Amino acid sequence: MKKIVSAAFVIAVLALLYTQFTDLAYKLGFAELKMVAVLENSEKMKVKCDVYSLGFFDEIKLQNKFQQCLNDYEAKGYKIISRHDA
C-alpha cells in the first residue's frame, strides 16, 4: 500500500513540475512554430513548403523563409490548396 501511495505522490509531483516548467519556458520565449502549405499546379503536381522549429528562434526570419517559398512556387503557377499554421 505504501508503494502505491508513494508512486502516486511521485507522479503527482512530477506532473506539477512539468506543467510549471512548461508555463515558465513559454513565458521565457521557448516555443514551437510549425507552418505547412501544399501547393498544386495546373498539371496536378504538388509541392510542399514547410517550416518547423522548437525552442528559442527568430519567428520573423522563419515566417519570411516560409513566405519566400510560397512566393517562389506561386510565381511558377502553383496555387495553395491547403495551409496549416500552428
PDB file of N, CA and C in Angstrom:
ATOM      1  N   MET A   1       0.825  -1.194   0.000  1.00  0.00           N
ATOM      2  CA  MET A   1       0.000   0.000   0.000  1.00  0.00           C
ATOM      3  C   MET A   1       0.869   1.257   0.000  1.00  0.00           C
ATOM      4  N   LYS A   2       1.968   1.204   0.773  1.00  0.00           N
ATOM      5  CA  LYS A   2       2.860   2.363   0.831  1.00  0.00           C
ATOM      6  C   LYS A   2       3.487   2.639  -0.530  1.00  0.00           C
ATOM      7  N   LYS A   3       3.789   1.568  -1.286  1.00  0.00           N
ATOM      8  CA  LYS A   3       4.381   1.740  -2.610  1.00  0.00           C
ATOM      9  C   LYS A   3       3.413   2.438  -3.560  1.00  0.00           C
ATOM     10  N   ILE A   4       2.158   2.106  -3.481  1.00  0.00           N
ATOM     11  CA  ILE A   4       1.147   2.720  -4.343  1.00  0.00           C
ATOM     12  C   ILE A   4       0.986   4.195  -4.006  1.00  0.00           C
ATOM     13  N   VAL A   5       0.929   4.510  -2.726  1.00  0.00           N
ATOM     14  CA  VAL A   5       0.800   5.901  -2.291  1.00  0.00           C
ATOM     15  C   VAL A   5       2.049   6.689  -2.683  1.00  0.00           C
ATOM     16  N   SER A   6       3.211   6.089  -2.487  1.00  0.00           N
ATOM     17  CA  SER A   6       4.462   6.757  -2.859  1.00  0.00           C
ATOM     18  C   SER A   6       4.532   6.995  -4.366  1.00  0.00           C
ATOM     19  N   ALA A   7       4.159   6.009  -5.147  1.00  0.00           N
ATOM     20  CA  ALA A   7       4.177   6.144  -6.602  1.00  0.00           C
ATOM     21  C   ALA A   7       3.193   7.225  -7.056  1.00  0.00           C
ATOM     22  N   ALA A   8       2.024   7.259  -6.472  1.00  0.00           N
ATOM     23  CA  ALA A   8       1.036   8.280  -6.815  1.00  0.00           C
ATOM     24  C   ALA A   8       1.553   9.671  -6.458  1.00  0.00           C
ATOM     25  N   PHE A   9       2.196   9.787  -5.309  1.00  0.00           N
ATOM     26  CA  PHE A   9       2.761  11.070  -4.883  1.00  0.00           C
ATOM     27  C   PHE A   9       3.854  11.526  -5.846  1.00  0.00           C
ATOM     28  N   VAL A  10       4.740  10.624  -6.229  1.00  0.00           N
ATOM     29  CA  VAL A  10       5.827  10.962  -7.159  1.00  0.00           C
ATOM     30  C   VAL A  10       5.259  11.396  -8.509  1.00  0.00           C
ATOM     31  N   ILE A  11       4.259  10.680  -8.989  1.00  0.00           N
ATOM     32  CA  ILE A  11       3.630  11.037 -10.266  1.00  0.00           C
ATOM     33  C   ILE A  11       2.973  12.416 -10.171  1.00  0.00           C
ATOM     34  N   ALA A  12       2.310  12.691  -9.082  1.00  0.00           N
ATOM     35  CA  ALA A  12       1.660  13.993  -8.909  1.00  0.00           C
ATOM     36  C   ALA A  12       2.691  15.119  -8.859  1.00  0.00           C
ATOM     37  N   VAL A  13       3.781  14.908  -8.155  1.00  0.00           N
ATOM     38  CA  VAL A  13       4.832  15.930  -8.069  1.00  0.00           C
ATOM     39  C   VAL A  13       5.462  16.158  -9.442  1.00  0.00           C
ATOM     40  N   LEU A  14       5.751  15.091 -10.159  1.00  0.00           N
ATOM     41  CA  LEU A  14       6.335  15.225 -11.495  1.00  0.00           C
ATOM     42  C   LEU A  14       5.388  15.945 -12.461  1.00  0.00           C
ATOM     43  N   ALA A  15       4.107  15.639 -12.387  1.00  0.00           N
ATOM     44  CA  ALA A  15       3.136  16.319 -13.241  1.00  0.00           C
ATOM     45  C   ALA A  15       3.071  17.810 -12.914  1.00  0.00           C
ATOM     46  N   LEU A  16       3.098  18.143 -11.637  1.00  0.00           N
ATOM     47  CA  LEU A  16       3.082  19.542 -11.221  1.00  0.00           C
ATOM     48  C   LEU A  16       4.338  20.265 -11.706  1.00  0.00           C
ATOM     49  N   LEU A  17       5.503  19.647 -11.545  1.00  0.00           N
ATOM     50  CA  LEU A  17       6.750  20.258 -12.012  1.00  0.00           C
ATOM     51  C   LEU A  17       6.752  20.436 -13.525  1.00  0.00           C
ATOM     52  N   TYR A  18       6.247  19.450 -14.253  1.00  0.00           N
ATOM     53  CA  TYR A  18       6.200  19.532 -15.709  1.00  0.00           C
ATOM     54  C   TYR A  18       5.324  20.688 -16.173  1.00  0.00           C
ATOM     55  N   THR A  19       4.140  20.838 -15.575  1.00  0.00           N
ATOM     56  CA  THR A  19       3.245  21.922 -16.001  1.00  0.00           C
ATOM     57  C   THR A  19       3.841  23.279 -15.666  1.00  0.00           C
ATOM     58  N   GLN A  20       4.482  23.392 -14.514  1.00  0.00           N
ATOM     59  CA  GLN A  20       5.095  24.663 -14.136  1.00  0.00           C
ATOM     60  C   GLN A  20       6.288  24.974 -15.034  1.00  0.00           C
ATOM     61  N   PHE A  21       7.087  23.959 -15.374  1.00  0.00           N
ATOM     62  CA  PHE A  21       8.228  24.158 -16.253  1.00  0.00           C
ATOM     63  C   PHE A  21       7.762  24.592 -17.641  1.00  0.00           C
ATOM     64  N   THR A  22       6.718  23.976 -18.153  1.00  0.00           N
ATOM     65  CA  THR A  22       6.202  24.314 -19.474  1.00  0.00           C
ATOM     66  C   THR A  22       5.718  25.753 -19.504  1.00  0.00           C
ATOM     67  N   ASP A  23       4.954  26.162 -18.502  1.00  0.00           N
ATOM     68  CA  ASP A  23       4.469  27.544 -18.446  1.00  0.00           C
ATOM     69  C   ASP A  23       5.623  28.530 -18.354  1.00  0.00           C
ATOM     70  N   LEU A  24       6.596  28.235 -17.520  1.00  0.00           N
ATOM     71  CA  LEU A  24       7.750  29.109 -17.365  1.00  0.00           C
ATOM     72  C   LEU A  24       8.571  29.170 -18.653  1.00  0.00           C
ATOM     73  N   ALA A  25       8.746  28.046 -19.307  1.00  0.00           N
ATOM     74  CA  ALA A  25       9.523  28.009 -20.548  1.00  0.00           C
ATOM     75  C   ALA A  25       8.864  28.869 -21.622  1.00  0.00           C
ATOM     76  N   TYR A  26       7.549  28.780 -21.763  1.00  0.00           N
ATOM     77  CA  TYR A  26       6.855  29.591 -22.763  1.00  0.00           C
ATOM     78  C   TYR A  26       6.906  31.077 -22.408  1.00  0.00           C
ATOM     79  N   LYS A  27       6.885  31.398 -21.127  1.00  0.00           N
ATOM     80  CA  LYS A  27       6.991  32.799 -20.716  1.00  0.00           C
ATOM     81  C   LYS A  27       8.371  33.359 -21.021  1.00  0.00           C
ATOM     82  N   LEU A  28       9.390  32.502 -21.002  1.00  0.00           N
ATOM     83  CA  LEU A  28      10.757  32.941 -21.270  1.00  0.00           C
ATOM     84  C   LEU A  28      11.101  32.925 -22.766  1.00  0.00           C
ATOM     85  N   GLY A  29      10.154  32.543 -23.612  1.00  0.00           N
ATOM     86  CA  GLY A  29      10.382  32.596 -25.046  1.00  0.00           C
ATOM     87  C   GLY A  29      10.568  31.259 -25.725  1.00  0.00           C
ATOM     88  N   PHE A  30      10.512  30.164 -25.002  1.00  0.00           N
ATOM     89  CA  PHE A  30      10.619  28.838 -25.600  1.00  0.00           C
ATOM     90  C   PHE A  30       9.291  28.538 -26.262  1.00  0.00           C
ATOM     91  N   ALA A  31       9.320  28.192 -27.526  1.00  0.00           N
ATOM     92  CA  ALA A  31       8.060  27.984 -28.237  1.00  0.00           C
ATOM     93  C   ALA A  31       8.226  26.977 -29.364  1.00  0.00           C
ATOM     94  N   GLU A  32       7.113  26.662 -29.999  1.00  0.00           N
ATOM     95  CA  GLU A  32       7.091  25.773 -31.147  1.00  0.00           C
ATOM     96  C   GLU A  32       6.394  26.490 -32.290  1.00  0.00           C
ATOM     97  N   LEU A  33       6.972  26.409 -33.474  1.00  0.00           N
ATOM     98  CA  LEU A  33       6.383  27.023 -34.659  1.00  0.00           C
ATOM     99  C   LEU A  33       6.350  25.986 -35.765  1.00  0.00           C
ATOM    100  N   LYS A  34       5.181  25.778 -36.341  1.00  0.00           N
ATOM    101  CA  LYS A  34       5.040  24.833 -37.445  1.00  0.00           C
ATOM    102  C   LYS A  34       4.092  25.434 -38.466  1.00  0.00           C
ATOM    103  N   MET A  35       4.571  25.558 -39.696  1.00  0.00           N
ATOM    104  CA  MET A  35       3.744  26.065 -40.789  1.00  0.00           C
ATOM    105  C   MET A  35       3.950  25.144 -41.981  1.00  0.00           C
ATOM    106  N   VAL A  36       2.848  24.714 -42.600  1.00  0.00           N
ATOM    107  CA  VAL A  36       2.910  23.808 -43.744  1.00  0.00           C
ATOM    108  C   VAL A  36       1.898  24.274 -44.776  1.00  0.00           C
ATOM    109  N   ALA A  37       2.320  24.297 -46.038  1.00  0.00           N
ATOM    110  CA  ALA A  37       1.407  24.626 -47.136  1.00  0.00           C
ATOM    111  C   ALA A  37       1.662  23.653 -48.279  1.00  0.00           C
ATOM    112  N   VAL A  38       0.596  23.182 -48.877  1.00  0.00           N
ATOM    113  CA  VAL A  38       0.691  22.314 -50.049  1.00  0.00           C
ATOM    114  C   VAL A  38       0.182  23.109 -51.232  1.00  0.00           C
ATOM    115  N   LEU A  39       0.966  23.126 -52.296  1.00  0.00           N
ATOM    116  CA  LEU A  39       0.612  23.867 -53.498  1.00  0.00           C
ATOM    117  C   LEU A  39       0.484  22.895 -54.668  1.00  0.00           C
ATOM    118  N   GLU A  40      -0.346  23.265 -55.646  1.00  0.00           N
ATOM    119  CA  GLU A  40      -0.580  22.401 -56.800  1.00  0.00           C
ATOM    120  C   GLU A  40      -0.621  23.252 -58.060  1.00  0.00           C
ATOM    121  N   ASN A  41      -0.059  22.730 -59.157  1.00  0.00           N
ATOM    122  CA  ASN A  41      -0.107  23.471 -60.413  1.00  0.00           C
ATOM    123  C   ASN A  41      -1.200  22.901 -61.319  1.00  0.00           C
ATOM    124  N   SER A  42      -1.295  23.427 -62.528  1.00  0.00           N
ATOM    125  CA  SER A  42      -2.355  23.009 -63.446  1.00  0.00           C
ATOM    126  C   SER A  42      -2.192  21.562 -63.909  1.00  0.00           C
ATOM    127  N   GLU A  43      -1.000  21.011 -63.800  1.00  0.00           N
ATOM    128  CA  GLU A  43      -0.746  19.620 -64.188  1.00  0.00           C
ATOM    129  C   GLU A  43      -0.933  18.657 -63.012  1.00  0.00           C
ATOM    130  N   LYS A  44      -1.509  19.145 -61.928  1.00  0.00           N
ATOM    131  CA  LYS A  44      -1.782  18.371 -60.707  1.00  0.00           C
ATOM    132  C   LYS A  44      -0.511  17.897 -60.000  1.00  0.00           C
ATOM    133  N   MET A  45       0.609  18.588 -60.227  1.00  0.00           N
ATOM    134  CA  MET A  45       1.839  18.294 -59.492  1.00  0.00           C
ATOM    135  C   MET A  45       1.791  19.055 -58.170  1.00  0.00           C
ATOM    136  N   LYS A  46       2.129  18.395 -57.087  1.00  0.00           N
ATOM    137  CA  LYS A  46       2.062  19.014 -55.765  1.00  0.00           C
ATOM    138  C   LYS A  46       3.462  19.229 -55.201  1.00  0.00           C
ATOM    139  N   VAL A  47       3.622  20.333 -54.484  1.00  0.00           N
ATOM    140  CA  VAL A  47       4.843  20.639 -53.748  1.00  0.00           C
ATOM    141  C   VAL A  47       4.448  21.094 -52.351  1.00  0.00           C
ATOM    142  N   LYS A  48       5.408  21.032 -51.438  1.00  0.00           N
ATOM    143  CA  LYS A  48       5.125  21.412 -50.057  1.00  0.00           C
ATOM    144  C   LYS A  48       6.171  22.401 -49.570  1.00  0.00           C
ATOM    145  N   CYS A  49       5.717  23.459 -48.931  1.00  0.00           N
ATOM    146  CA  CYS A  49       6.576  24.398 -48.223  1.00  0.00           C
ATOM    147  C   CYS A  49       6.295  24.196 -46.737  1.00  0.00           C
ATOM    148  N   ASP A  50       7.350  24.036 -45.954  1.00  0.00           N
ATOM    149  CA  ASP A  50       7.129  23.869 -44.522  1.00  0.00           C
ATOM    150  C   ASP A  50       8.274  24.452 -43.723  1.00  0.00           C
ATOM    151  N   VAL A  51       7.936  24.859 -42.511  1.00  0.00           N
ATOM    152  CA  VAL A  51       8.892  25.395 -41.548  1.00  0.00           C
ATOM    153  C   VAL A  51       8.525  24.813 -40.196  1.00  0.00           C
ATOM    154  N   TYR A  52       9.525  24.312 -39.465  1.00  0.00           N
ATOM    155  CA  TYR A  52       9.285  23.795 -38.122  1.00  0.00           C
ATOM    156  C   TYR A  52      10.461  24.175 -37.236  1.00  0.00           C
ATOM    157  N   SER A  53      10.154  24.657 -36.062  1.00  0.00           N
ATOM    158  CA  SER A  53      11.201  24.982 -35.103  1.00  0.00           C
ATOM    159  C   SER A  53      10.661  24.786 -33.693  1.00  0.00           C
ATOM    160  N   LEU A  54      11.522  24.324 -32.822  1.00  0.00           N
ATOM    161  CA  LEU A  54      11.173  24.111 -31.426  1.00  0.00           C
ATOM    162  C   LEU A  54      12.302  24.684 -30.588  1.00  0.00           C
ATOM    163  N   GLY A  55      11.971  25.565 -29.685  1.00  0.00           N
ATOM    164  CA  GLY A  55      12.992  26.161 -28.831  1.00  0.00           C
ATOM    165  C   GLY A  55      12.976  27.671 -28.925  1.00  0.00           C
ATOM    166  N   PHE A  56      14.145  28.253 -28.888  1.00  0.00           N
ATOM    167  CA  PHE A  56      14.295  29.704 -28.994  1.00  0.00           C
ATOM    168  C   PHE A  56      14.688  30.003 -30.432  1.00  0.00           C
ATOM    169  N   PHE A  57      13.880  30.774 -31.160  1.00  0.00           N
ATOM    170  CA  PHE A  57      14.136  31.031 -32.566  1.00  0.00           C
ATOM    171  C   PHE A  57      13.635  32.411 -32.952  1.00  0.00           C
ATOM    172  N   ASP A  58      14.046  32.861 -34.140  1.00  0.00           N
ATOM    173  CA  ASP A  58      13.601  34.133 -34.691  1.00  0.00           C
ATOM    174  C   ASP A  58      12.366  33.873 -35.555  1.00  0.00           C
ATOM    175  N   GLU A  59      11.199  34.142 -34.998  1.00  0.00           N
ATOM    176  CA  GLU A  59       9.946  33.826 -35.678  1.00  0.00           C
ATOM    177  C   GLU A  59       9.796  34.586 -36.992  1.00  0.00           C
ATOM    178  N   ILE A  60      10.198  35.833 -37.022  1.00  0.00           N
ATOM    179  CA  ILE A  60      10.058  36.640 -38.237  1.00  0.00           C
ATOM    180  C   ILE A  60      10.918  36.066 -39.358  1.00  0.00           C
ATOM    181  N   LYS A  61      12.117  35.641 -39.033  1.00  0.00           N
ATOM    182  CA  LYS A  61      13.009  35.057 -40.039  1.00  0.00           C
ATOM    183  C   LYS A  61      12.403  33.780 -40.625  1.00  0.00           C
ATOM    184  N   LEU A  62      11.836  32.940 -39.777  1.00  0.00           N
ATOM    185  CA  LEU A  62      11.217  31.707 -40.248  1.00  0.00           C
ATOM    186  C   LEU A  62       9.967  31.984 -41.086  1.00  0.00           C
ATOM    187  N   GLN A  63       9.172  32.961 -40.685  1.00  0.00           N
ATOM    188  CA  GLN A  63       7.992  33.306 -41.464  1.00  0.00           C
ATOM    189  C   GLN A  63       8.378  33.870 -42.829  1.00  0.00           C
ATOM    190  N   ASN A  64       9.453  34.665 -42.863  1.00  0.00           N
ATOM    191  CA  ASN A  64       9.923  35.200 -44.138  1.00  0.00           C
ATOM    192  C   ASN A  64      10.406  34.083 -45.063  1.00  0.00           C
ATOM    193  N   LYS A  65      11.100  33.100 -44.507  1.00  0.00           N
ATOM    194  CA  LYS A  65      11.568  31.959 -45.287  1.00  0.00           C
ATOM    195  C   LYS A  65      10.386  31.183 -45.861  1.00  0.00           C
ATOM    196  N   PHE A  66       9.370  30.968 -45.054  1.00  0.00           N
ATOM    197  CA  PHE A  66       8.166  30.265 -45.486  1.00  0.00           C
ATOM    198  C   PHE A  66       7.447  31.046 -46.582  1.00  0.00           C
ATOM    199  N   GLN A  67       7.299  32.347 -46.385  1.00  0.00           N
ATOM    200  CA  GLN A  67       6.621  33.181 -47.381  1.00  0.00           C
ATOM    201  C   GLN A  67       7.408  33.224 -48.686  1.00  0.00           C
ATOM    202  N   GLN A  68       8.724  33.229 -48.601  1.00  0.00           N
ATOM    203  CA  GLN A  68       9.559  33.220 -49.810  1.00  0.00           C
ATOM    204  C   GLN A  68       9.342  31.933 -50.602  1.00  0.00           C
ATOM    205  N   CYS A  69       9.242  30.819 -49.922  1.00  0.00           N
ATOM    206  CA  CYS A  69       8.958  29.543 -50.581  1.00  0.00           C
ATOM    207  C   CYS A  69       7.610  29.605 -51.300  1.00  0.00           C
ATOM    208  N   LEU A  70       6.592  30.135 -50.609  1.00  0.00           N
ATOM    209  CA  LEU A  70       5.271  30.271 -51.235  1.00  0.00           C
ATOM    210  C   LEU A  70       5.337  31.182 -52.455  1.00  0.00           C
ATOM    211  N   ASN A  71       6.006  32.312 -52.331  1.00  0.00           N
ATOM    212  CA  ASN A  71       6.107  33.264 -53.437  1.00  0.00           C
ATOM    213  C   ASN A  71       6.814  32.651 -54.637  1.00  0.00           C
ATOM    214  N   ASP A  72       7.872  31.889 -54.398  1.00  0.00           N
ATOM    215  CA  ASP A  72       8.613  31.260 -55.494  1.00  0.00           C
ATOM    216  C   ASP A  72       7.727  30.301 -56.282  1.00  0.00           C
ATOM    217  N   TYR A  73       6.988  29.459 -55.573  1.00  0.00           N
ATOM    218  CA  TYR A  73       6.121  28.498 -56.267  1.00  0.00           C
ATOM    219  C   TYR A  73       4.913  29.170 -56.911  1.00  0.00           C
ATOM    220  N   GLU A  74       4.347  30.187 -56.266  1.00  0.00           N
ATOM    221  CA  GLU A  74       3.221  30.885 -56.865  1.00  0.00           C
ATOM    222  C   GLU A  74       3.643  31.606 -58.142  1.00  0.00           C
ATOM    223  N   ALA A  75       4.883  32.076 -58.208  1.00  0.00           N
ATOM    224  CA  ALA A  75       5.396  32.708 -59.426  1.00  0.00           C
ATOM    225  C   ALA A  75       5.528  31.696 -60.559  1.00  0.00           C
ATOM    226  N   LYS A  76       5.655  30.420 -60.219  1.00  0.00           N
ATOM    227  CA  LYS A  76       5.752  29.357 -61.225  1.00  0.00           C
ATOM    228  C   LYS A  76       4.382  28.789 -61.593  1.00  0.00           C
ATOM    229  N   GLY A  77       3.305  29.373 -61.073  1.00  0.00           N
ATOM    230  CA  GLY A  77       1.960  28.948 -61.429  1.00  0.00           C
ATOM    231  C   GLY A  77       1.282  28.021 -60.447  1.00  0.00           C
ATOM    232  N   TYR A  78       1.886  27.765 -59.302  1.00  0.00           N
ATOM    233  CA  TYR A  78       1.264  26.903 -58.294  1.00  0.00           C
ATOM    234  C   TYR A  78       0.255  27.702 -57.474  1.00  0.00           C
ATOM    235  N   LYS A  79      -0.766  27.010 -57.001  1.00  0.00           N
ATOM    236  CA  LYS A  79      -1.791  27.605 -56.142  1.00  0.00           C
ATOM    237  C   LYS A  79      -1.841  26.838 -54.830  1.00  0.00           C
ATOM    238  N   ILE A  80      -2.082  27.545 -53.743  1.00  0.00           N
ATOM    239  CA  ILE A  80      -2.178  26.911 -52.423  1.00  0.00           C
ATOM    240  C   ILE A  80      -3.485  26.128 -52.339  1.00  0.00           C
ATOM    241  N   ILE A  81      -3.373  24.838 -51.993  1.00  0.00           N
ATOM    242  CA  ILE A  81      -4.588  24.032 -51.813  1.00  0.00           C
ATOM    243  C   ILE A  81      -4.854  23.724 -50.350  1.00  0.00           C
ATOM    244  N   SER A  82      -3.816  23.789 -49.504  1.00  0.00           N
ATOM    245  CA  SER A  82      -4.048  23.656 -48.064  1.00  0.00           C
ATOM    246  C   SER A  82      -2.902  24.341 -47.322  1.00  0.00           C
ATOM    247  N   ARG A  83      -3.242  24.878 -46.160  1.00  0.00           N
ATOM    248  CA  ARG A  83      -2.249  25.569 -45.340  1.00  0.00           C
ATOM    249  C   ARG A  83      -2.607  25.405 -43.875  1.00  0.00           C
ATOM    250  N   HIS A  84      -1.593  25.076 -43.073  1.00  0.00           N
ATOM    251  CA  HIS A  84      -1.768  24.887 -41.631  1.00  0.00           C
ATOM    252  C   HIS A  84      -0.676  25.655 -40.903  1.00  0.00           C
ATOM    253  N   ASP A  85      -1.070  26.526 -40.007  1.00  0.00           N
ATOM    254  CA  ASP A  85      -0.134  27.273 -39.181  1.00  0.00           C
ATOM    255  C   ASP A  85      -0.406  26.941 -37.727  1.00  0.00           C
ATOM    256  N   ALA A  86       0.664  26.641 -36.994  1.00  0.00           N
ATOM    257  CA  ALA A  86       0.480  26.343 -35.566  1.00  0.00           C
ATOM    258  C   ALA A  86       1.626  26.913 -34.779  1.00  0.00           C
TER     259      ALA A  86
END
